[in-house]
C-alpha atoms as a PDB file:
ATOM      1  CA  UNK A   1      17.146   7.219  -3.233  1.00  0.00           C
ATOM      2  CA  UNK A   2      14.566   4.882  -1.727  1.00  0.00           C
ATOM      3  CA  UNK A   3      11.480   6.354  -0.091  1.00  0.00           C
ATOM      4  CA  UNK A   4       8.314   4.911   1.398  1.00  0.00           C
ATOM      5  CA  UNK A   5       4.700   6.034   1.268  1.00  0.00           C
ATOM      6  CA  UNK A   6       2.051   4.480   3.514  1.00  0.00           C
ATOM      7  CA  UNK A   7      -1.570   5.015   2.471  1.00  0.00           C
ATOM      8  CA  UNK A   8      -3.322   5.530   5.800  1.00  0.00           C
ATOM      9  CA  UNK A   9      -6.077   8.054   5.174  1.00  0.00           C
ATOM     10  CA  UNK A  10      -9.147   5.851   4.835  1.00  0.00           C
ATOM     11  CA  UNK A  11     -12.289   6.305   6.909  1.00  0.00           C
ATOM     12  CA  UNK A  12     -12.215   2.766   8.294  1.00  0.00           C
ATOM     13  CA  UNK A  13     -16.001   2.544   8.052  1.00  0.00           C
ATOM     14  CA  UNK A  14     -16.165  -1.260   8.077  1.00  0.00           C
ATOM     15  CA  UNK A  15     -14.087  -1.407  11.280  1.00  0.00           C
ATOM     16  CA  UNK A  16     -16.272   1.026  13.230  1.00  0.00           C
ATOM     17  CA  UNK A  17     -18.329  -1.688  14.975  1.00  0.00           C
ATOM     18  CA  UNK A  18     -15.092  -2.960  16.564  1.00  0.00           C
ATOM     19  CA  UNK A  19     -13.074   0.220  17.174  1.00  0.00           C
ATOM     20  CA  UNK A  20     -15.519   3.138  17.189  1.00  0.00           C
ATOM     21  CA  UNK A  21     -14.074   6.387  15.862  1.00  0.00           C
ATOM     22  CA  UNK A  22     -10.431   5.394  16.401  1.00  0.00           C
ATOM     23  CA  UNK A  23      -8.482   6.113  13.182  1.00  0.00           C
ATOM     24  CA  UNK A  24      -7.645   2.809  11.524  1.00  0.00           C
ATOM     25  CA  UNK A  25      -3.846   3.385  11.543  1.00  0.00           C
ATOM     26  CA  UNK A  26      -3.966   3.492  15.356  1.00  0.00           C
ATOM     27  CA  UNK A  27      -5.956   0.290  15.930  1.00  0.00           C
ATOM     28  CA  UNK A  28      -3.979  -1.996  18.248  1.00  0.00           C
ATOM     29  CA  UNK A  29      -2.504  -5.150  16.741  1.00  0.00           C
ATOM     30  CA  UNK A  30       0.026  -7.006  18.855  1.00  0.00           C
ATOM     31  CA  UNK A  31       0.530  -4.143  21.282  1.00  0.00           C
ATOM     32  CA  UNK A  32       1.230  -1.371  18.785  1.00  0.00           C
ATOM     33  CA  UNK A  33      -0.632   0.612  16.124  1.00  0.00           C
ATOM     34  CA  UNK A  34      -1.588  -1.279  12.975  1.00  0.00           C
ATOM     35  CA  UNK A  35       0.382   1.117  10.782  1.00  0.00           C
ATOM     36  CA  UNK A  36       3.525   0.538  12.866  1.00  0.00           C
ATOM     37  CA  UNK A  37       3.801  -2.933  11.347  1.00  0.00           C
ATOM     38  CA  UNK A  38       4.192  -1.335   7.924  1.00  0.00           C
ATOM     39  CA  UNK A  39       6.628   1.259   9.230  1.00  0.00           C
ATOM     40  CA  UNK A  40       8.779  -1.503  10.739  1.00  0.00           C
ATOM     41  CA  UNK A  41       8.607  -3.443   7.481  1.00  0.00           C
ATOM     42  CA  UNK A  42       9.861  -0.481   5.460  1.00  0.00           C
ATOM     43  CA  UNK A  43      12.652   0.316   7.906  1.00  0.00           C
ATOM     44  CA  UNK A  44      13.800  -3.325   7.893  1.00  0.00           C
ATOM     45  CA  UNK A  45      13.992  -3.128   4.087  1.00  0.00           C
ATOM     46  CA  UNK A  46      16.272  -0.093   4.231  1.00  0.00           C
ATOM     47  CA  UNK A  47      13.535   2.484   3.621  1.00  0.00           C
ATOM     48  CA  UNK A  48      13.411   4.713   6.730  1.00  0.00           C
ATOM     49  CA  UNK A  49      12.263   7.908   4.957  1.00  0.00           C
ATOM     50  CA  UNK A  50       8.493   7.499   4.941  1.00  0.00           C
ATOM     51  CA  UNK A  51       5.572   9.761   4.073  1.00  0.00           C
ATOM     52  CA  UNK A  52       2.360   8.816   5.853  1.00  0.00           C
ATOM     53  CA  UNK A  53      -0.663   9.813   3.759  1.00  0.00           C
ATOM     54  CA  UNK A  54      -3.343  10.658   6.328  1.00  0.00           C
ATOM     55  CA  UNK A  55      -6.917  11.902   6.232  1.00  0.00           C
ATOM     56  CA  UNK A  56      -9.527  10.858   8.785  1.00  0.00           C
ATOM     57  CA  UNK A  57      -8.251  11.561  12.311  1.00  0.00           C
ATOM     58  CA  UNK A  58      -5.036  13.107  10.970  1.00  0.00           C
ATOM     59  CA  UNK A  59      -4.330  15.203  14.070  1.00  0.00           C
ATOM     60  CA  UNK A  60      -4.596  12.182  16.338  1.00  0.00           C
ATOM     61  CA  UNK A  61      -2.497  10.000  14.025  1.00  0.00           C
ATOM     62  CA  UNK A  62       0.299  12.573  13.834  1.00  0.00           C
ATOM     63  CA  UNK A  63       0.219  13.130  17.591  1.00  0.00           C
ATOM     64  CA  UNK A  64       0.396   9.400  18.369  1.00  0.00           C
ATOM     65  CA  UNK A  65       3.078   8.445  15.822  1.00  0.00           C
ATOM     66  CA  UNK A  66       5.237  11.563  15.989  1.00  0.00           C
ATOM     67  CA  UNK A  67       8.432  11.582  13.962  1.00  0.00           C
ATOM     68  CA  UNK A  68       8.648   7.785  13.809  1.00  0.00           C
ATOM     69  CA  UNK A  69      11.979   7.628  15.619  1.00  0.00           C
ATOM     70  CA  UNK A  70      10.777   4.906  18.004  1.00  0.00           C
ATOM     71  CA  UNK A  71      10.766   2.568  14.962  1.00  0.00           C
ATOM     72  CA  UNK A  72      13.946   3.938  13.422  1.00  0.00           C
ATOM     73  CA  UNK A  73      11.951   5.840  10.803  1.00  0.00           C
ATOM     74  CA  UNK A  74      11.870   9.443   9.665  1.00  0.00           C
ATOM     75  CA  UNK A  75       8.152  10.130   9.283  1.00  0.00           C
ATOM     76  CA  UNK A  76       6.598  13.072   7.505  1.00  0.00           C
ATOM     77  CA  UNK A  77       2.912  13.545   6.771  1.00  0.00           C
ATOM     78  CA  UNK A  78       0.788  14.327   3.738  1.00  0.00           C
ATOM     79  CA  UNK A  79      -2.710  15.367   4.721  1.00  0.00           C
ATOM     80  CA  UNK A  80      -5.844  15.128   2.573  1.00  0.00           C
ATOM     81  CA  UNK A  81      -8.224  18.012   3.224  1.00  0.00           C
ATOM     82  CA  UNK A  82     -10.878  16.167   1.209  1.00  0.00           C
ATOM     83  CA  UNK A  83     -11.022  12.506   0.154  1.00  0.00           C
ATOM     84  CA  UNK A  84      -8.778  11.860  -2.861  1.00  0.00           C
ATOM     85  CA  UNK A  85      -8.947   8.072  -3.088  1.00  0.00           C
ATOM     86  CA  UNK A  86      -5.884   5.860  -3.042  1.00  0.00           C
ATOM     87  CA  UNK A  87      -4.453   7.270  -6.262  1.00  0.00           C
ATOM     88  CA  UNK A  88      -5.052  10.908  -5.401  1.00  0.00           C
ATOM     89  CA  UNK A  89      -3.632  10.469  -1.904  1.00  0.00           C
ATOM     90  CA  UNK A  90      -0.543   8.779  -3.341  1.00  0.00           C
ATOM     91  CA  UNK A  91      -0.023  11.547  -5.909  1.00  0.00           C
ATOM     92  CA  UNK A  92      -0.352  14.190  -3.187  1.00  0.00           C
ATOM     93  CA  UNK A  93       2.074  12.358  -0.882  1.00  0.00           C
ATOM     94  CA  UNK A  94       4.632  12.075  -3.684  1.00  0.00           C
ATOM     95  CA  UNK A  95       4.834  15.857  -3.721  1.00  0.00           C
ATOM     96  CA  UNK A  96       6.299  15.741  -0.203  1.00  0.00           C
ATOM     97  CA  UNK A  97       9.892  15.382  -1.355  1.00  0.00           C
ATOM     98  CA  UNK A  98       9.870  12.417  -3.760  1.00  0.00           C
ATOM     99  CA  UNK A  99      12.383  12.848  -6.588  1.00  0.00           C
ATOM    100  CA  UNK A 100      11.863  11.742 -10.163  1.00  0.00           C
ATOM    101  CA  UNK A 101      14.665   9.179  -9.952  1.00  0.00           C
ATOM    102  CA  UNK A 102      13.641   7.803  -6.538  1.00  0.00           C
ATOM    103  CA  UNK A 103      12.501   4.242  -5.973  1.00  0.00           C
ATOM    104  CA  UNK A 104       9.256   4.552  -4.011  1.00  0.00           C
ATOM    105  CA  UNK A 105       7.810   1.688  -1.970  1.00  0.00           C
ATOM    106  CA  UNK A 106       4.061   2.105  -1.470  1.00  0.00           C
ATOM    107  CA  UNK A 107       2.128   0.057   1.075  1.00  0.00           C
ATOM    108  CA  UNK A 108      -1.483   0.054   2.199  1.00  0.00           C
ATOM    109  CA  UNK A 109      -1.633   1.124   5.819  1.00  0.00           C
ATOM    110  CA  UNK A 110      -4.203  -1.525   6.786  1.00  0.00           C
ATOM    111  CA  UNK A 111      -2.109  -4.367   5.389  1.00  0.00           C
ATOM    112  CA  UNK A 112      -0.147  -7.029   7.208  1.00  0.00           C
ATOM    113  CA  UNK A 113       2.279  -8.866   4.949  1.00  0.00           C
ATOM    114  CA  UNK A 114       5.223 -11.222   5.232  1.00  0.00           C
ATOM    115  CA  UNK A 115       6.421 -10.910   1.656  1.00  0.00           C
ATOM    116  CA  UNK A 116      10.145 -10.279   1.097  1.00  0.00           C
ATOM    117  CA  UNK A 117      10.235  -6.543   0.535  1.00  0.00           C
ATOM    118  CA  UNK A 118      14.020  -6.423   0.089  1.00  0.00           C
ATOM    119  CA  UNK A 119      13.853  -8.959  -2.739  1.00  0.00           C
ATOM    120  CA  UNK A 120      10.956  -7.074  -4.325  1.00  0.00           C
ATOM    121  CA  UNK A 121      12.771  -3.723  -4.331  1.00  0.00           C
ATOM    122  CA  UNK A 122      15.994  -5.276  -5.620  1.00  0.00           C
ATOM    123  CA  UNK A 123      14.137  -7.054  -8.433  1.00  0.00           C
ATOM    124  CA  UNK A 124      12.367  -3.831  -9.394  1.00  0.00           C
ATOM    125  CA  UNK A 125      15.589  -1.852  -9.592  1.00  0.00           C
ATOM    126  CA  UNK A 126      17.224  -4.538 -11.739  1.00  0.00           C
ATOM    127  CA  UNK A 127      14.238  -4.770 -14.074  1.00  0.00           C
ATOM    128  CA  UNK A 128      14.038  -1.201 -15.337  1.00  0.00           C
ATOM    129  CA  UNK A 129      10.244  -1.336 -14.891  1.00  0.00           C
ATOM    130  CA  UNK A 130       8.080   1.671 -14.090  1.00  0.00           C
ATOM    131  CA  UNK A 131       5.914  -0.131 -11.528  1.00  0.00           C
ATOM    132  CA  UNK A 132       5.987  -3.513  -9.809  1.00  0.00           C
ATOM    133  CA  UNK A 133       3.132  -5.040  -7.812  1.00  0.00           C
ATOM    134  CA  UNK A 134       3.332  -7.807  -5.242  1.00  0.00           C
ATOM    135  CA  UNK A 135       0.989 -10.533  -6.472  1.00  0.00           C
ATOM    136  CA  UNK A 136       0.162 -14.013  -5.272  1.00  0.00           C
ATOM    137  CA  UNK A 137      -2.157 -16.857  -6.194  1.00  0.00           C
ATOM    138  CA  UNK A 138      -5.235 -17.400  -4.028  1.00  0.00           C
ATOM    139  CA  UNK A 139      -7.870 -20.119  -4.225  1.00  0.00           C
ATOM    140  CA  UNK A 140     -10.817 -17.702  -4.134  1.00  0.00           C
ATOM    141  CA  UNK A 141     -10.158 -14.279  -5.664  1.00  0.00           C
ATOM    142  CA  UNK A 142     -13.578 -12.711  -5.002  1.00  0.00           C
ATOM    143  CA  UNK A 143     -12.282 -10.394  -2.258  1.00  0.00           C
ATOM    144  CA  UNK A 144      -9.406  -9.016  -4.331  1.00  0.00           C
ATOM    145  CA  UNK A 145      -8.405  -7.232  -7.486  1.00  0.00           C
ATOM    146  CA  UNK A 146      -7.255  -9.818 -10.022  1.00  0.00           C
ATOM    147  CA  UNK A 147      -4.137  -9.187 -12.115  1.00  0.00           C
ATOM    148  CA  UNK A 148      -3.580 -10.551 -15.637  1.00  0.00           C
ATOM    149  CA  UNK A 149       0.015 -11.149 -16.739  1.00  0.00           C
ATOM    150  CA  UNK A 150       1.831 -12.413 -19.816  1.00  0.00           C
ATOM    151  CA  UNK A 151       4.479 -15.140 -19.963  1.00  0.00           C
ATOM    152  CA  UNK A 152       7.160 -12.686 -18.787  1.00  0.00           C
ATOM    153  CA  UNK A 153       5.029 -11.537 -15.808  1.00  0.00           C
ATOM    154  CA  UNK A 154       4.326  -8.171 -17.383  1.00  0.00           C
ATOM    155  CA  UNK A 155       0.949  -6.924 -16.201  1.00  0.00           C
ATOM    156  CA  UNK A 156      -1.611  -6.746 -19.001  1.00  0.00           C
ATOM    157  CA  UNK A 157      -4.822  -5.986 -17.131  1.00  0.00           C
ATOM    158  CA  UNK A 158      -6.747  -5.563 -13.886  1.00  0.00           C
ATOM    159  CA  UNK A 159     -10.149  -6.977 -12.967  1.00  0.00           C
ATOM    160  CA  UNK A 160     -11.821  -5.840  -9.767  1.00  0.00           C
ATOM    161  CA  UNK A 161     -13.334  -8.443  -7.419  1.00  0.00           C
ATOM    162  CA  UNK A 162     -14.858 -11.193  -9.569  1.00  0.00           C
ATOM    163  CA  UNK A 163     -18.359 -12.389  -8.709  1.00  0.00           C
ATOM    164  CA  UNK A 164     -17.808 -16.128  -8.966  1.00  0.00           C
ATOM    165  CA  UNK A 165     -15.366 -18.082  -6.765  1.00  0.00           C
ATOM    166  CA  UNK A 166     -12.252 -19.059  -8.691  1.00  0.00           C
ATOM    167  CA  UNK A 167      -8.478 -19.100  -8.209  1.00  0.00           C
ATOM    168  CA  UNK A 168      -6.615 -16.016  -9.346  1.00  0.00           C
ATOM    169  CA  UNK A 169      -3.449 -13.951  -9.232  1.00  0.00           C
ATOM    170  CA  UNK A 170      -4.293 -11.023  -6.963  1.00  0.00           C
ATOM    171  CA  UNK A 171      -2.954  -7.632  -6.024  1.00  0.00           C
ATOM    172  CA  UNK A 172      -1.451  -8.032  -2.540  1.00  0.00           C
ATOM    173  CA  UNK A 173      -1.165  -4.344  -1.639  1.00  0.00           C
ATOM    174  CA  UNK A 174       2.555  -3.522  -1.921  1.00  0.00           C
ATOM    175  CA  UNK A 175       3.980  -1.592  -4.869  1.00  0.00           C
ATOM    176  CA  UNK A 176       7.386  -0.366  -5.989  1.00  0.00           C
ATOM    177  CA  UNK A 177       7.313   2.521  -8.448  1.00  0.00           C
ATOM    178  CA  UNK A 178       9.506   5.167 -10.020  1.00  0.00           C
ATOM    179  CA  UNK A 179       9.136   8.640  -8.553  1.00  0.00           C
ATOM    180  CA  UNK A 180       8.638  10.076 -12.031  1.00  0.00           C
ATOM    181  CA  UNK A 181       5.498   7.958 -12.474  1.00  0.00           C
ATOM    182  CA  UNK A 182       3.950   9.315  -9.277  1.00  0.00           C
ATOM    183  CA  UNK A 183       4.877  12.908 -10.042  1.00  0.00           C
ATOM    184  CA  UNK A 184       3.072  12.647 -13.383  1.00  0.00           C
ATOM    185  CA  UNK A 185      -0.233  12.006 -11.570  1.00  0.00           C
ATOM    186  CA  UNK A 186      -2.474  14.949 -10.642  1.00  0.00           C
ATOM    187  CA  UNK A 187      -2.337  15.522  -6.895  1.00  0.00           C
ATOM    188  CA  UNK A 188      -5.586  17.441  -6.591  1.00  0.00           C
ATOM    189  CA  UNK A 189      -8.305  15.152  -7.976  1.00  0.00           C
ATOM    190  CA  UNK A 190      -9.793  11.907  -6.625  1.00  0.00           C
ATOM    191  CA  UNK A 191      -8.265   8.812  -8.197  1.00  0.00           C
ATOM    192  CA  UNK A 192      -8.445   5.096  -7.489  1.00  0.00           C
ATOM    193  CA  UNK A 193      -5.222   3.178  -7.984  1.00  0.00           C
ATOM    194  CA  UNK A 194      -7.054   0.056  -9.100  1.00  0.00           C
ATOM    195  CA  UNK A 195      -9.558   1.781 -11.414  1.00  0.00           C
ATOM    196  CA  UNK A 196      -7.926   4.994 -12.649  1.00  0.00           C
ATOM    197  CA  UNK A 197      -4.156   4.554 -12.343  1.00  0.00           C
ATOM    198  CA  UNK A 198      -2.990   0.952 -12.726  1.00  0.00           C
ATOM    199  CA  UNK A 199      -4.953   0.062 -15.898  1.00  0.00           C
ATOM    200  CA  UNK A 200      -3.573   3.097 -17.730  1.00  0.00           C
ATOM    201  CA  UNK A 201      -0.027   2.314 -16.654  1.00  0.00           C
ATOM    202  CA  UNK A 202      -0.412  -1.307 -17.738  1.00  0.00           C
ATOM    203  CA  UNK A 203      -1.375  -0.057 -21.201  1.00  0.00           C
ATOM    204  CA  UNK A 204       1.284   2.644 -21.566  1.00  0.00           C
ATOM    205  CA  UNK A 205       4.200   1.762 -19.259  1.00  0.00           C
ATOM    206  CA  UNK A 206       6.283  -1.200 -18.089  1.00  0.00           C
ATOM    207  CA  UNK A 207       4.351  -2.765 -15.215  1.00  0.00           C
ATOM    208  CA  UNK A 208       5.623  -6.015 -13.705  1.00  0.00           C
ATOM    209  CA  UNK A 209       4.161  -8.589 -11.342  1.00  0.00           C
ATOM    210  CA  UNK A 210       6.426  -9.651  -8.479  1.00  0.00           C
ATOM    211  CA  UNK A 211       5.334 -13.103  -7.329  1.00  0.00           C
ATOM    212  CA  UNK A 212       5.720 -13.990  -3.661  1.00  0.00           C
ATOM    213  CA  UNK A 213       3.444 -16.529  -1.985  1.00  0.00           C
ATOM    214  CA  UNK A 214       3.978 -15.152   1.528  1.00  0.00           C
ATOM    215  CA  UNK A 215       0.712 -14.509   3.391  1.00  0.00           C
ATOM    216  CA  UNK A 216      -0.926 -11.107   3.615  1.00  0.00           C
ATOM    217  CA  UNK A 217      -4.005  -9.809   5.403  1.00  0.00           C
ATOM    218  CA  UNK A 218      -6.169  -6.764   4.700  1.00  0.00           C
ATOM    219  CA  UNK A 219      -7.262  -5.616   8.166  1.00  0.00           C
ATOM    220  CA  UNK A 220     -10.427  -3.918   6.971  1.00  0.00           C
ATOM    221  CA  UNK A 221     -13.201  -5.673   8.896  1.00  0.00           C
ATOM    222  CA  UNK A 222     -13.817  -6.720  12.519  1.00  0.00           C
ATOM    223  CA  UNK A 223     -13.306 -10.364  11.515  1.00  0.00           C
ATOM    224  CA  UNK A 224      -9.959  -9.578   9.872  1.00  0.00           C
ATOM    225  CA  UNK A 225      -8.900  -7.542  12.904  1.00  0.00           C
ATOM    226  CA  UNK A 226      -9.667 -10.484  15.183  1.00  0.00           C
ATOM    227  CA  UNK A 227      -7.686 -12.750  12.863  1.00  0.00           C
ATOM    228  CA  UNK A 228      -4.753 -10.347  12.983  1.00  0.00           C
ATOM    229  CA  UNK A 229      -4.811 -10.214  16.768  1.00  0.00           C
ATOM    230  CA  UNK A 230      -5.186 -13.970  17.223  1.00  0.00           C
ATOM    231  CA  UNK A 231      -2.925 -15.419  14.559  1.00  0.00           C
ATOM    232  CA  UNK A 232      -0.731 -12.804  12.941  1.00  0.00           C
ATOM    233  CA  UNK A 233       1.493 -11.392  15.680  1.00  0.00           C
END
């Protein structure tokens, strides 16, 4: 079975000057909540069963989004009672009904992306991999996590936000992973996907890079939010 998890529990500190205390998933982009763009993307890819991992402003997020039926989704919620980081929040959300044999599509809730999610999921299921990350080349990789791959596009390493400007293959914020991998993670301790989870999987499991040069945008700052509102939708 295919399931989706949207990581939407961040504090949104960098966006506060533009949106105040509004939870980041509810920030308006194109006339609807930011996170709705990811919900629509998952539904369009045949993944309507979605767990929303929430934290800051959880009551308001759940009240505003409801059961997700307006987007054709079936939303449930996984709530952090204390910050667990991206990896901890994902592990906790996976315990909300994910099966070991499920294909799980994980997206960052503050991401806008036009990459072909259907092709990514299909390629993952054909590959037999444990985890697949959407990656793309950028001219200046300083704002991103950089991914190292071998000749077969197997991921061999991760390097967080280089100091010097240079082109690089970067993590674009969408992942497809086996349910068994997520259920092996502890769901009660803080973990970072980029620091604590992905490097270990690259060393011990089959982690693939899925290349797609479609644009993506991390809506994490007032400038990025303005870009999203002006040019994205």
